[in-house]
Amino acid sequence: MKKTTLAFFLFCAAPAAADVIVPVNLVNETGVGEKIGQIILSEASHGVQLTPDLNNLPSGERGFHLHENGDCGVAEKDGKITAAGAAGNHYDPEQHKKHDGPWGAGHAGDLPSLNVSINGTATQTLMIKRLSINDFYGKALVIHAGGDNYSDYPEPLGGGGARIACGVVPKPDAENK
C-alpha cells in the first residue's frame, strides 16, 4: 500500500472529536435555578458549531457570550450581587478589552445572538469561526436578558444586560468521570 493511500485511510478512519454537551440553567441573584435544556458543541471544519435545545427563555434576540470562568454561581461586583457573576468577563485571551461582535477584533467570547422563538425555545444552530472547541473547555456560556448590538455604545458590552441563563462547558477529563 502506498504511503499516501495509507495516510488517507488513517485520516478517514480517525474518530471525530466527541460532541460536548453543556447543560444550561436559569440563573438569578439567588443562584442557579432550573435546567432549561442544553447546548451541544461540535468541532466543525471551520470552527465550532453550537446547537442549542433550550426552552423557558423570553422570546426575542438574546446576547450570548463565552465567559472566562466555568462557574455559573452568583458573585458580588461593585457591591451588588450578580446572577452568574462567577462566570467573570467575556473570554478575551488577547486582551482586546472591547466588544466588537463575533466577526470583529474584540473579545473572542462575543458569540452570535441567540434567537428565541415566541414559544420560548432556541434551536437555531450557530457557527463560531474564530474559536476551536478547546477554547470552550472550562468556561461558561451565558445568555443575557437583552439583545446585543456588538458595540460598547450606547451601553457597555452590547447592552445585553442581566445574565438570565448559564451553562458550564465541561473539561474533557470531566466527561470521562
Protein backbone atom coordinates (compact mmCIF):
# COMPACT_ATOMS: atom_id res chain seq x y z
CA MET A 1 0.00 0.00 0.00
CA LYS A 2 1.37 3.42 -0.90
CA LYS A 3 2.14 5.88 1.88
CA THR A 4 -0.40 8.42 0.58
CA THR A 5 -3.14 5.81 0.44
CA LEU A 6 -2.29 4.63 3.96
CA ALA A 7 -2.24 8.22 5.26
CA PHE A 8 -5.63 8.91 3.65
CA PHE A 9 -7.07 5.72 5.16
CA LEU A 10 -5.77 6.59 8.63
CA PHE A 11 -7.09 10.15 8.35
CA CYS A 12 -10.56 8.95 7.34
CA ALA A 13 -10.61 6.19 9.96
CA ALA A 14 -9.69 8.51 12.83
CA PRO A 15 -12.66 9.13 15.10
CA ALA A 16 -14.15 12.62 15.04
CA ALA A 17 -13.89 14.69 18.19
CA ALA A 18 -16.76 13.92 20.50
CA ASP A 19 -19.58 16.39 20.88
CA VAL A 20 -19.62 18.32 24.14
CA ILE A 21 -22.96 18.60 25.92
CA VAL A 22 -23.41 21.75 28.01
CA PRO A 23 -26.40 21.69 30.40
CA VAL A 24 -27.95 25.17 30.70
CA ASN A 25 -29.84 26.51 33.73
CA LEU A 26 -31.70 29.70 34.50
CA VAL A 27 -29.78 31.99 36.88
CA ASN A 28 -30.72 34.87 39.15
CA GLU A 29 -29.36 36.77 42.17
CA THR A 30 -30.06 33.79 44.46
CA GLY A 31 -28.10 31.29 42.36
CA VAL A 32 -28.56 28.60 39.73
CA GLY A 33 -32.15 27.58 39.00
CA GLU A 34 -33.97 25.05 36.88
CA LYS A 35 -32.41 23.32 33.90
CA ILE A 36 -33.81 24.70 30.63
CA GLY A 37 -32.02 22.42 28.18
CA GLN A 38 -28.59 22.05 26.66
CA ILE A 39 -26.22 23.29 24.01
CA ILE A 40 -24.17 20.79 22.01
CA LEU A 41 -20.72 21.91 20.87
CA SER A 42 -19.28 20.15 17.81
CA GLU A 43 -15.93 20.62 16.10
CA ALA A 44 -16.59 21.75 12.53
CA SER A 45 -14.31 22.21 9.54
CA HIS A 46 -14.20 25.98 10.08
CA GLY A 47 -14.66 26.43 13.82
CA VAL A 48 -17.26 25.26 16.30
CA GLN A 49 -20.94 24.51 15.77
CA LEU A 50 -23.29 25.29 18.68
CA THR A 51 -26.66 23.54 18.62
CA PRO A 52 -29.00 24.81 21.33
CA ASP A 53 -32.02 22.88 22.57
CA LEU A 54 -33.37 25.38 25.09
CA ASN A 55 -36.79 26.32 26.45
CA ASN A 56 -38.39 28.66 29.01
CA LEU A 57 -36.50 31.73 27.76
CA PRO A 58 -38.05 35.12 27.00
CA SER A 59 -38.68 35.43 23.26
CA GLY A 60 -36.55 37.65 21.06
CA GLU A 61 -32.88 38.21 20.43
CA ARG A 62 -30.59 37.46 23.38
CA GLY A 63 -26.97 38.39 23.90
CA PHE A 64 -24.86 35.23 24.03
CA HIS A 65 -21.25 35.03 25.16
CA LEU A 66 -18.45 32.74 26.21
CA HIS A 67 -17.29 33.88 29.66
CA GLU A 68 -13.85 33.27 31.13
CA ASN A 69 -14.75 31.10 34.16
CA GLY A 70 -16.56 27.78 34.31
CA ASP A 71 -18.85 28.84 37.17
CA CYS A 72 -22.50 29.94 36.99
CA GLY A 73 -22.77 30.95 40.64
CA VAL A 74 -23.52 34.43 41.93
CA ALA A 75 -20.75 36.91 42.70
CA GLU A 76 -20.55 40.40 44.09
CA LYS A 77 -19.41 43.19 41.78
CA ASP A 78 -19.31 46.83 42.82
CA GLY A 79 -21.29 45.96 45.96
CA LYS A 80 -24.10 44.27 44.03
CA ILE A 81 -24.90 40.55 43.75
CA THR A 82 -24.82 39.50 40.09
CA ALA A 83 -26.50 36.41 38.64
CA ALA A 84 -23.80 34.13 37.15
CA GLY A 85 -21.25 36.75 38.18
CA ALA A 86 -18.78 33.98 38.99
CA ALA A 87 -18.55 33.35 35.21
CA GLY A 88 -16.46 36.50 35.07
CA ASN A 89 -15.97 38.64 31.99
CA HIS A 90 -16.28 37.80 28.33
CA TYR A 91 -13.50 35.45 27.21
CA ASP A 92 -10.76 37.80 25.94
CA PRO A 93 -7.42 35.92 25.83
CA GLU A 94 -5.75 38.56 23.66
CA GLN A 95 -6.89 41.39 25.98
CA HIS A 96 -8.67 43.42 23.29
CA LYS A 97 -10.85 44.92 26.04
CA LYS A 98 -13.58 45.84 23.57
CA HIS A 99 -16.87 44.43 22.37
CA ASP A 100 -16.82 44.06 18.58
CA GLY A 101 -19.01 41.05 17.76
CA PRO A 102 -18.24 37.50 16.67
CA TRP A 103 -16.64 38.63 13.41
CA GLY A 104 -14.75 41.66 14.74
CA ALA A 105 -11.47 42.22 16.51
CA GLY A 106 -12.86 42.37 20.05
CA HIS A 107 -13.50 39.76 22.75
CA ALA A 108 -13.15 36.21 21.45
CA GLY A 109 -16.17 35.38 23.64
CA ASP A 110 -18.55 37.51 21.54
CA LEU A 111 -20.88 34.91 20.03
CA PRO A 112 -23.72 35.37 17.53
CA SER A 113 -27.00 36.37 19.16
CA LEU A 114 -29.32 33.62 20.31
CA ASN A 115 -32.75 33.89 18.70
CA VAL A 116 -35.56 32.69 20.95
CA SER A 117 -38.92 31.89 19.36
CA ILE A 118 -42.23 33.25 20.59
CA ASN A 119 -42.80 29.97 22.50
CA GLY A 120 -39.52 30.43 24.42
CA THR A 121 -37.38 27.88 22.60
CA ALA A 122 -33.98 28.33 20.97
CA THR A 123 -32.87 25.67 18.49
CA GLN A 124 -31.09 27.60 15.70
CA THR A 125 -27.58 26.28 15.06
CA LEU A 126 -24.76 28.83 15.32
CA MET A 127 -21.26 28.73 13.81
CA ILE A 128 -18.27 30.21 15.57
CA LYS A 129 -15.37 30.54 13.15
CA ARG A 130 -12.66 32.19 15.21
CA LEU A 131 -12.58 29.67 18.08
CA SER A 132 -11.77 25.99 18.41
CA ILE A 133 -13.60 23.63 20.72
CA ASN A 134 -10.58 23.74 23.05
CA ASP A 135 -11.30 27.43 23.71
CA PHE A 136 -14.66 26.49 25.27
CA TYR A 137 -13.48 23.90 27.82
CA GLY A 138 -13.78 25.02 31.44
CA LYS A 139 -15.62 28.23 30.59
CA ALA A 140 -19.27 29.31 30.77
CA LEU A 141 -21.84 30.03 28.07
CA VAL A 142 -24.04 32.91 29.25
CA ILE A 143 -27.37 34.11 27.86
CA HIS A 144 -28.34 37.72 28.59
CA ALA A 145 -31.76 39.34 29.09
CA GLY A 146 -31.36 41.76 26.18
CA GLY A 147 -30.12 41.74 22.62
CA ASP A 148 -26.57 42.54 21.61
CA ASN A 149 -25.52 45.36 19.28
CA TYR A 150 -21.83 44.23 19.35
CA SER A 151 -20.67 47.64 20.48
CA ASP A 152 -19.77 49.35 23.72
CA TYR A 153 -22.03 52.27 22.81
CA PRO A 154 -24.59 53.38 23.91
CA GLU A 155 -24.31 50.69 26.60
CA PRO A 156 -21.28 48.61 27.61
CA LEU A 157 -20.89 45.07 26.31
CA GLY A 158 -23.57 45.42 23.65
CA GLY A 159 -26.40 46.26 26.03
CA GLY A 160 -27.25 42.63 26.77
CA GLY A 161 -27.92 43.42 30.41
CA ALA A 162 -28.59 40.87 33.12
CA ARG A 163 -27.45 37.27 32.88
CA ILE A 164 -30.51 35.01 32.73
CA ALA A 165 -29.10 31.57 31.87
CA CYS A 166 -25.73 29.87 32.09
CA GLY A 167 -24.02 26.57 31.35
CA VAL A 168 -20.53 25.36 32.26
CA VAL A 169 -18.58 23.70 29.45
CA PRO A 170 -17.02 20.58 30.98
CA LYS A 171 -13.33 19.95 30.56
CA PRO A 172 -12.52 16.81 28.51
CA ASP A 173 -11.28 14.87 31.55
CA ALA A 174 -14.51 15.67 33.44
CA GLU A 175 -16.57 13.97 30.72
CA ASN A 176 -14.93 10.63 31.41
CA LYS A 177 -15.55 10.58 35.17
